[in-house]
């Protein structure tokens, strides 16, 4: 007599299908694991995967750019005389070659005149009368003079031209936060200031300095 409580066995075909499904699932998981790269937070690979941040870049780079400009800065009277005597020789000795005008590092003390859009003209004793010296104090800091000053920040280090341009803007903002923010840059007219910074030598009679240090007497 057959025991009616015994459950019927699953057909062999269904059991084989279950085994095949499990095996296929394991194979898929293994393939995903092989194709997955584990990235440690803070590693170089992690940095590459993050979107480019101009402000983070600027904050990281500005201190060494500041130090390099200060170290290489030439007194304005000496630099003006060198440029007037032999511009190419002055660039070779004091400047950083760039695609559009060499970057020159200078330190100068003068009296600030009336500003225009945050740019102050400086009256500097000992400079030729036809030499116009100005310093930009913001709020907008224009140009890539600080980015190009050290000579080792190259386009090839960035994904595209936009990132390269944004890097310069990030450095300018980092400078403004460190150098200009502690100063009332709206009230410099008539005061004696000492500026150390960089300018692009396009017109030897017109220097627009982007500061890395600014002292007000």
C-alpha atoms as a PDB file:
ATOM      1  CA  UNK A   1       0.000   0.000   0.000  1.00  0.00           C
ATOM      2  CA  UNK A   2       1.395   3.422  -1.028  1.00  0.00           C
ATOM      3  CA  UNK A   3       1.845   6.219   1.570  1.00  0.00           C
ATOM      4  CA  UNK A   4      -0.424   8.992   0.303  1.00  0.00           C
ATOM      5  CA  UNK A   5       1.410  11.668   2.410  1.00  0.00           C
ATOM      6  CA  UNK A   6       4.693  11.422   0.425  1.00  0.00           C
ATOM      7  CA  UNK A   7       5.181  14.585  -1.757  1.00  0.00           C
ATOM      8  CA  UNK A   8       5.727  13.954  -5.452  1.00  0.00           C
ATOM      9  CA  UNK A   9       9.259  14.498  -6.705  1.00  0.00           C
ATOM     10  CA  UNK A  10      10.047  17.487  -8.949  1.00  0.00           C
ATOM     11  CA  UNK A  11      10.585  16.526 -12.511  1.00  0.00           C
ATOM     12  CA  UNK A  12      14.262  16.192 -13.466  1.00  0.00           C
ATOM     13  CA  UNK A  13      13.929  18.886 -16.145  1.00  0.00           C
ATOM     14  CA  UNK A  14      12.784  21.511 -13.624  1.00  0.00           C
ATOM     15  CA  UNK A  15      15.677  20.669 -11.327  1.00  0.00           C
ATOM     16  CA  UNK A  16      18.161  21.043 -14.177  1.00  0.00           C
ATOM     17  CA  UNK A  17      16.648  24.415 -15.078  1.00  0.00           C
ATOM     18  CA  UNK A  18      17.061  25.628 -11.512  1.00  0.00           C
ATOM     19  CA  UNK A  19      20.704  24.560 -11.476  1.00  0.00           C
ATOM     20  CA  UNK A  20      21.343  26.307 -14.801  1.00  0.00           C
ATOM     21  CA  UNK A  21      19.701  29.527 -13.549  1.00  0.00           C
ATOM     22  CA  UNK A  22      21.851  29.546 -10.423  1.00  0.00           C
ATOM     23  CA  UNK A  23      24.988  28.898 -12.468  1.00  0.00           C
ATOM     24  CA  UNK A  24      24.109  31.688 -14.905  1.00  0.00           C
ATOM     25  CA  UNK A  25      23.537  34.117 -12.037  1.00  0.00           C
ATOM     26  CA  UNK A  26      26.911  33.273 -10.531  1.00  0.00           C
ATOM     27  CA  UNK A  27      28.579  33.792 -13.900  1.00  0.00           C
ATOM     28  CA  UNK A  28      26.989  37.230 -14.263  1.00  0.00           C
ATOM     29  CA  UNK A  29      28.127  38.247 -10.776  1.00  0.00           C
ATOM     30  CA  UNK A  30      31.661  37.068 -11.549  1.00  0.00           C
ATOM     31  CA  UNK A  31      31.723  39.081 -14.771  1.00  0.00           C
ATOM     32  CA  UNK A  32      30.557  42.217 -12.931  1.00  0.00           C
ATOM     33  CA  UNK A  33      33.248  41.715 -10.295  1.00  0.00           C
ATOM     34  CA  UNK A  34      35.950  41.373 -12.955  1.00  0.00           C
ATOM     35  CA  UNK A  35      34.762  44.571 -14.672  1.00  0.00           C
ATOM     36  CA  UNK A  36      34.595  46.631 -11.456  1.00  0.00           C
ATOM     37  CA  UNK A  37      37.502  48.789 -10.291  1.00  0.00           C
ATOM     38  CA  UNK A  38      37.700  49.487  -6.590  1.00  0.00           C
ATOM     39  CA  UNK A  39      38.655  53.152  -6.027  1.00  0.00           C
ATOM     40  CA  UNK A  40      40.006  54.160  -2.658  1.00  0.00           C
ATOM     41  CA  UNK A  41      38.724  57.514  -1.422  1.00  0.00           C
ATOM     42  CA  UNK A  42      41.448  60.139  -1.679  1.00  0.00           C
ATOM     43  CA  UNK A  43      43.539  58.142  -4.118  1.00  0.00           C
ATOM     44  CA  UNK A  44      44.747  59.426  -7.485  1.00  0.00           C
ATOM     45  CA  UNK A  45      42.054  57.404  -9.247  1.00  0.00           C
ATOM     46  CA  UNK A  46      39.424  58.954  -6.998  1.00  0.00           C
ATOM     47  CA  UNK A  47      40.664  62.445  -7.919  1.00  0.00           C
ATOM     48  CA  UNK A  48      40.430  61.630 -11.634  1.00  0.00           C
ATOM     49  CA  UNK A  49      36.826  60.529 -11.277  1.00  0.00           C
ATOM     50  CA  UNK A  50      35.769  63.722  -9.543  1.00  0.00           C
ATOM     51  CA  UNK A  51      34.717  66.767 -11.562  1.00  0.00           C
ATOM     52  CA  UNK A  52      37.365  69.451 -11.926  1.00  0.00           C
ATOM     53  CA  UNK A  53      37.010  72.167  -9.279  1.00  0.00           C
ATOM     54  CA  UNK A  54      38.717  75.461 -10.215  1.00  0.00           C
ATOM     55  CA  UNK A  55      38.477  76.777  -6.657  1.00  0.00           C
ATOM     56  CA  UNK A  56      39.997  73.647  -5.139  1.00  0.00           C
ATOM     57  CA  UNK A  57      42.760  73.796  -7.724  1.00  0.00           C
ATOM     58  CA  UNK A  58      43.362  77.485  -7.094  1.00  0.00           C
ATOM     59  CA  UNK A  59      43.532  77.040  -3.329  1.00  0.00           C
ATOM     60  CA  UNK A  60      46.082  74.262  -3.748  1.00  0.00           C
ATOM     61  CA  UNK A  61      48.262  76.052  -6.306  1.00  0.00           C
ATOM     62  CA  UNK A  62      48.255  79.675  -5.177  1.00  0.00           C
ATOM     63  CA  UNK A  63      50.643  79.342  -2.184  1.00  0.00           C
ATOM     64  CA  UNK A  64      53.494  78.009  -4.313  1.00  0.00           C
ATOM     65  CA  UNK A  65      52.781  80.540  -7.080  1.00  0.00           C
ATOM     66  CA  UNK A  66      52.841  83.345  -4.500  1.00  0.00           C
ATOM     67  CA  UNK A  67      56.159  82.149  -3.118  1.00  0.00           C
ATOM     68  CA  UNK A  68      57.676  81.777  -6.587  1.00  0.00           C
ATOM     69  CA  UNK A  69      56.614  85.277  -7.657  1.00  0.00           C
ATOM     70  CA  UNK A  70      57.922  86.845  -4.444  1.00  0.00           C
ATOM     71  CA  UNK A  71      61.231  85.020  -4.813  1.00  0.00           C
ATOM     72  CA  UNK A  72      61.703  86.141  -8.408  1.00  0.00           C
ATOM     73  CA  UNK A  73      60.281  89.661  -8.116  1.00  0.00           C
ATOM     74  CA  UNK A  74      62.576  92.456  -9.341  1.00  0.00           C
ATOM     75  CA  UNK A  75      62.393  96.087  -8.094  1.00  0.00           C
ATOM     76  CA  UNK A  76      60.381  98.105 -10.604  1.00  0.00           C
ATOM     77  CA  UNK A  77      63.175 100.593 -11.326  1.00  0.00           C
ATOM     78  CA  UNK A  78      65.623  97.793 -12.112  1.00  0.00           C
ATOM     79  CA  UNK A  79      63.113  95.922 -14.244  1.00  0.00           C
ATOM     80  CA  UNK A  80      62.116  99.024 -16.205  1.00  0.00           C
ATOM     81  CA  UNK A  81      65.757  99.821 -16.939  1.00  0.00           C
ATOM     82  CA  UNK A  82      66.432  96.233 -18.069  1.00  0.00           C
ATOM     83  CA  UNK A  83      63.400  96.197 -20.385  1.00  0.00           C
ATOM     84  CA  UNK A  84      64.342  99.556 -21.883  1.00  0.00           C
ATOM     85  CA  UNK A  85      67.926  98.406 -22.500  1.00  0.00           C
ATOM     86  CA  UNK A  86      67.123  95.000 -24.052  1.00  0.00           C
ATOM     87  CA  UNK A  87      63.647  93.554 -23.761  1.00  0.00           C
ATOM     88  CA  UNK A  88      64.602  90.053 -24.905  1.00  0.00           C
ATOM     89  CA  UNK A  89      67.486  89.900 -22.449  1.00  0.00           C
ATOM     90  CA  UNK A  90      65.201  91.133 -19.647  1.00  0.00           C
ATOM     91  CA  UNK A  91      62.693  88.404 -20.441  1.00  0.00           C
ATOM     92  CA  UNK A  92      65.421  85.768 -20.479  1.00  0.00           C
ATOM     93  CA  UNK A  93      66.771  86.897 -17.109  1.00  0.00           C
ATOM     94  CA  UNK A  94      63.626  87.862 -15.226  1.00  0.00           C
ATOM     95  CA  UNK A  95      60.585  86.517 -17.071  1.00  0.00           C
ATOM     96  CA  UNK A  96      58.629  83.383 -17.814  1.00  0.00           C
ATOM     97  CA  UNK A  97      57.990  82.833 -21.538  1.00  0.00           C
ATOM     98  CA  UNK A  98      54.320  82.500 -22.476  1.00  0.00           C
ATOM     99  CA  UNK A  99      52.341  82.203 -25.684  1.00  0.00           C
ATOM    100  CA  UNK A 100      51.137  85.813 -25.478  1.00  0.00           C
ATOM    101  CA  UNK A 101      53.730  88.022 -23.822  1.00  0.00           C
ATOM    102  CA  UNK A 102      56.191  86.907 -21.176  1.00  0.00           C
ATOM    103  CA  UNK A 103      55.197  87.049 -17.520  1.00  0.00           C
ATOM    104  CA  UNK A 104      57.378  89.394 -15.473  1.00  0.00           C
ATOM    105  CA  UNK A 105      57.634  89.417 -11.682  1.00  0.00           C
ATOM    106  CA  UNK A 106      57.993  92.801 -10.009  1.00  0.00           C
ATOM    107  CA  UNK A 107      57.847  94.584  -6.668  1.00  0.00           C
ATOM    108  CA  UNK A 108      56.982  98.260  -6.535  1.00  0.00           C
ATOM    109  CA  UNK A 109      56.128 100.957  -4.002  1.00  0.00           C
ATOM    110  CA  UNK A 110      54.057 103.929  -5.078  1.00  0.00           C
ATOM    111  CA  UNK A 111      51.107 106.181  -4.374  1.00  0.00           C
ATOM    112  CA  UNK A 112      47.741 104.908  -5.515  1.00  0.00           C
ATOM    113  CA  UNK A 113      45.638 107.222  -7.657  1.00  0.00           C
ATOM    114  CA  UNK A 114      41.909 107.177  -8.318  1.00  0.00           C
ATOM    115  CA  UNK A 115      40.743 103.693  -9.297  1.00  0.00           C
ATOM    116  CA  UNK A 116      38.774 102.649 -12.329  1.00  0.00           C
ATOM    117  CA  UNK A 117      36.855  99.353 -12.042  1.00  0.00           C
ATOM    118  CA  UNK A 118      39.109  98.280  -9.179  1.00  0.00           C
ATOM    119  CA  UNK A 119      42.341  99.104 -11.038  1.00  0.00           C
ATOM    120  CA  UNK A 120      44.615 101.653  -9.350  1.00  0.00           C
ATOM    121  CA  UNK A 121      47.295 103.651 -11.165  1.00  0.00           C
ATOM    122  CA  UNK A 122      50.500 103.980  -9.183  1.00  0.00           C
ATOM    123  CA  UNK A 123      52.825 106.955  -9.112  1.00  0.00           C
ATOM    124  CA  UNK A 124      56.281 105.497  -8.613  1.00  0.00           C
ATOM    125  CA  UNK A 125      59.388 107.544  -7.976  1.00  0.00           C
ATOM    126  CA  UNK A 126      62.307 106.738 -10.249  1.00  0.00           C
ATOM    127  CA  UNK A 127      60.307 105.276 -13.142  1.00  0.00           C
ATOM    128  CA  UNK A 128      60.127 106.879 -16.604  1.00  0.00           C
ATOM    129  CA  UNK A 129      57.239 109.313 -16.951  1.00  0.00           C
ATOM    130  CA  UNK A 130      55.818 107.433 -19.922  1.00  0.00           C
ATOM    131  CA  UNK A 131      55.632 104.130 -18.005  1.00  0.00           C
ATOM    132  CA  UNK A 132      52.115 103.472 -16.763  1.00  0.00           C
ATOM    133  CA  UNK A 133      51.950 101.144 -13.760  1.00  0.00           C
ATOM    134  CA  UNK A 134      48.606  99.846 -12.484  1.00  0.00           C
ATOM    135  CA  UNK A 135      47.486  97.168 -10.030  1.00  0.00           C
ATOM    136  CA  UNK A 136      44.188  95.317 -10.151  1.00  0.00           C
ATOM    137  CA  UNK A 137      42.365  94.824  -6.857  1.00  0.00           C
ATOM    138  CA  UNK A 138      39.001  93.427  -7.903  1.00  0.00           C
ATOM    139  CA  UNK A 139      36.325  92.539  -7.329  1.00  0.00           C
ATOM    140  CA  UNK A 140      37.028  90.982 -10.742  1.00  0.00           C
ATOM    141  CA  UNK A 141      40.616  89.801 -11.237  1.00  0.00           C
ATOM    142  CA  UNK A 142      41.253  89.313 -14.929  1.00  0.00           C
ATOM    143  CA  UNK A 143      43.892  87.427 -16.878  1.00  0.00           C
ATOM    144  CA  UNK A 144      45.981  84.331 -16.353  1.00  0.00           C
ATOM    145  CA  UNK A 145      49.223  86.009 -15.310  1.00  0.00           C
ATOM    146  CA  UNK A 146      49.415  84.117 -12.012  1.00  0.00           C
ATOM    147  CA  UNK A 147      48.633  80.787 -13.676  1.00  0.00           C
ATOM    148  CA  UNK A 148      51.389  81.346 -16.230  1.00  0.00           C
ATOM    149  CA  UNK A 149      53.961  82.876 -13.859  1.00  0.00           C
ATOM    150  CA  UNK A 150      55.680  79.658 -12.675  1.00  0.00           C
ATOM    151  CA  UNK A 151      55.878  78.243 -16.200  1.00  0.00           C
ATOM    152  CA  UNK A 152      54.919  74.690 -15.259  1.00  0.00           C
ATOM    153  CA  UNK A 153      51.121  74.767 -15.503  1.00  0.00           C
ATOM    154  CA  UNK A 154      50.584  73.458 -19.017  1.00  0.00           C
ATOM    155  CA  UNK A 155      47.457  73.019 -21.135  1.00  0.00           C
ATOM    156  CA  UNK A 156      48.169  69.295 -21.462  1.00  0.00           C
ATOM    157  CA  UNK A 157      47.478  68.773 -17.767  1.00  0.00           C
ATOM    158  CA  UNK A 158      43.800  69.645 -18.290  1.00  0.00           C
ATOM    159  CA  UNK A 159      40.922  67.997 -20.100  1.00  0.00           C
ATOM    160  CA  UNK A 160      40.215  70.946 -22.375  1.00  0.00           C
ATOM    161  CA  UNK A 161      40.639  74.687 -22.888  1.00  0.00           C
ATOM    162  CA  UNK A 162      37.738  75.467 -20.561  1.00  0.00           C
ATOM    163  CA  UNK A 163      39.388  73.683 -17.629  1.00  0.00           C
ATOM    164  CA  UNK A 164      42.693  75.401 -18.432  1.00  0.00           C
ATOM    165  CA  UNK A 165      41.015  78.808 -18.397  1.00  0.00           C
ATOM    166  CA  UNK A 166      39.030  77.972 -15.266  1.00  0.00           C
ATOM    167  CA  UNK A 167      42.256  76.987 -13.501  1.00  0.00           C
ATOM    168  CA  UNK A 168      43.519  80.549 -13.967  1.00  0.00           C
ATOM    169  CA  UNK A 169      40.272  81.952 -12.591  1.00  0.00           C
ATOM    170  CA  UNK A 170      40.470  79.653  -9.583  1.00  0.00           C
ATOM    171  CA  UNK A 171      44.007  80.835  -8.828  1.00  0.00           C
ATOM    172  CA  UNK A 172      42.878  84.461  -9.109  1.00  0.00           C
ATOM    173  CA  UNK A 173      40.038  83.859  -6.664  1.00  0.00           C
ATOM    174  CA  UNK A 174      42.377  82.148  -4.211  1.00  0.00           C
ATOM    175  CA  UNK A 175      44.700  85.154  -4.411  1.00  0.00           C
ATOM    176  CA  UNK A 176      41.813  87.569  -3.842  1.00  0.00           C
ATOM    177  CA  UNK A 177      40.657  85.636  -0.778  1.00  0.00           C
ATOM    178  CA  UNK A 178      44.122  85.598   0.782  1.00  0.00           C
ATOM    179  CA  UNK A 179      45.632  88.914  -0.319  1.00  0.00           C
ATOM    180  CA  UNK A 180      42.823  91.355  -1.113  1.00  0.00           C
ATOM    181  CA  UNK A 181      39.960  90.340   1.174  1.00  0.00           C
ATOM    182  CA  UNK A 182      41.693  91.572   4.384  1.00  0.00           C
ATOM    183  CA  UNK A 183      42.215  95.041   2.800  1.00  0.00           C
ATOM    184  CA  UNK A 184      39.684  97.777   2.073  1.00  0.00           C
ATOM    185  CA  UNK A 185      40.517  97.919  -1.611  1.00  0.00           C
ATOM    186  CA  UNK A 186      37.935 100.653  -2.187  1.00  0.00           C
ATOM    187  CA  UNK A 187      39.946 103.180  -0.158  1.00  0.00           C
ATOM    188  CA  UNK A 188      43.516 103.004  -1.449  1.00  0.00           C
ATOM    189  CA  UNK A 189      43.564 106.321  -3.340  1.00  0.00           C
ATOM    190  CA  UNK A 190      46.213 108.654  -1.948  1.00  0.00           C
ATOM    191  CA  UNK A 191      47.873 105.925   0.103  1.00  0.00           C
ATOM    192  CA  UNK A 192      51.312 104.462  -0.345  1.00  0.00           C
ATOM    193  CA  UNK A 193      51.209 100.809  -1.280  1.00  0.00           C
ATOM    194  CA  UNK A 194      53.827  98.149  -1.870  1.00  0.00           C
ATOM    195  CA  UNK A 195      52.818  95.582  -4.440  1.00  0.00           C
ATOM    196  CA  UNK A 196      54.545  92.368  -5.416  1.00  0.00           C
ATOM    197  CA  UNK A 197      53.039  90.553  -8.353  1.00  0.00           C
ATOM    198  CA  UNK A 198      53.160  89.576 -11.994  1.00  0.00           C
ATOM    199  CA  UNK A 199      52.260  91.251 -15.265  1.00  0.00           C
ATOM    200  CA  UNK A 200      52.205  90.220 -18.898  1.00  0.00           C
ATOM    201  CA  UNK A 201      54.771  92.097 -20.964  1.00  0.00           C
ATOM    202  CA  UNK A 202      52.859  93.061 -24.090  1.00  0.00           C
ATOM    203  CA  UNK A 203      53.311  96.832 -24.013  1.00  0.00           C
ATOM    204  CA  UNK A 204      56.555  97.709 -22.175  1.00  0.00           C
ATOM    205  CA  UNK A 205      55.077 101.111 -21.283  1.00  0.00           C
ATOM    206  CA  UNK A 206      51.947  99.692 -19.656  1.00  0.00           C
ATOM    207  CA  UNK A 207      52.173  97.272 -16.732  1.00  0.00           C
ATOM    208  CA  UNK A 208      48.980  95.820 -15.240  1.00  0.00           C
ATOM    209  CA  UNK A 209      50.088  93.976 -12.109  1.00  0.00           C
ATOM    210  CA  UNK A 210      48.164  91.111 -10.566  1.00  0.00           C
ATOM    211  CA  UNK A 211      49.321  91.090  -6.936  1.00  0.00           C
ATOM    212  CA  UNK A 212      50.407  88.188  -4.771  1.00  0.00           C
ATOM    213  CA  UNK A 213      51.232  90.535  -1.881  1.00  0.00           C
ATOM    214  CA  UNK A 214      49.891  93.999  -1.104  1.00  0.00           C
ATOM    215  CA  UNK A 215      50.854  96.212   1.814  1.00  0.00           C
ATOM    216  CA  UNK A 216      49.244  99.554   2.623  1.00  0.00           C
ATOM    217  CA  UNK A 217      51.199 102.191   4.581  1.00  0.00           C
END
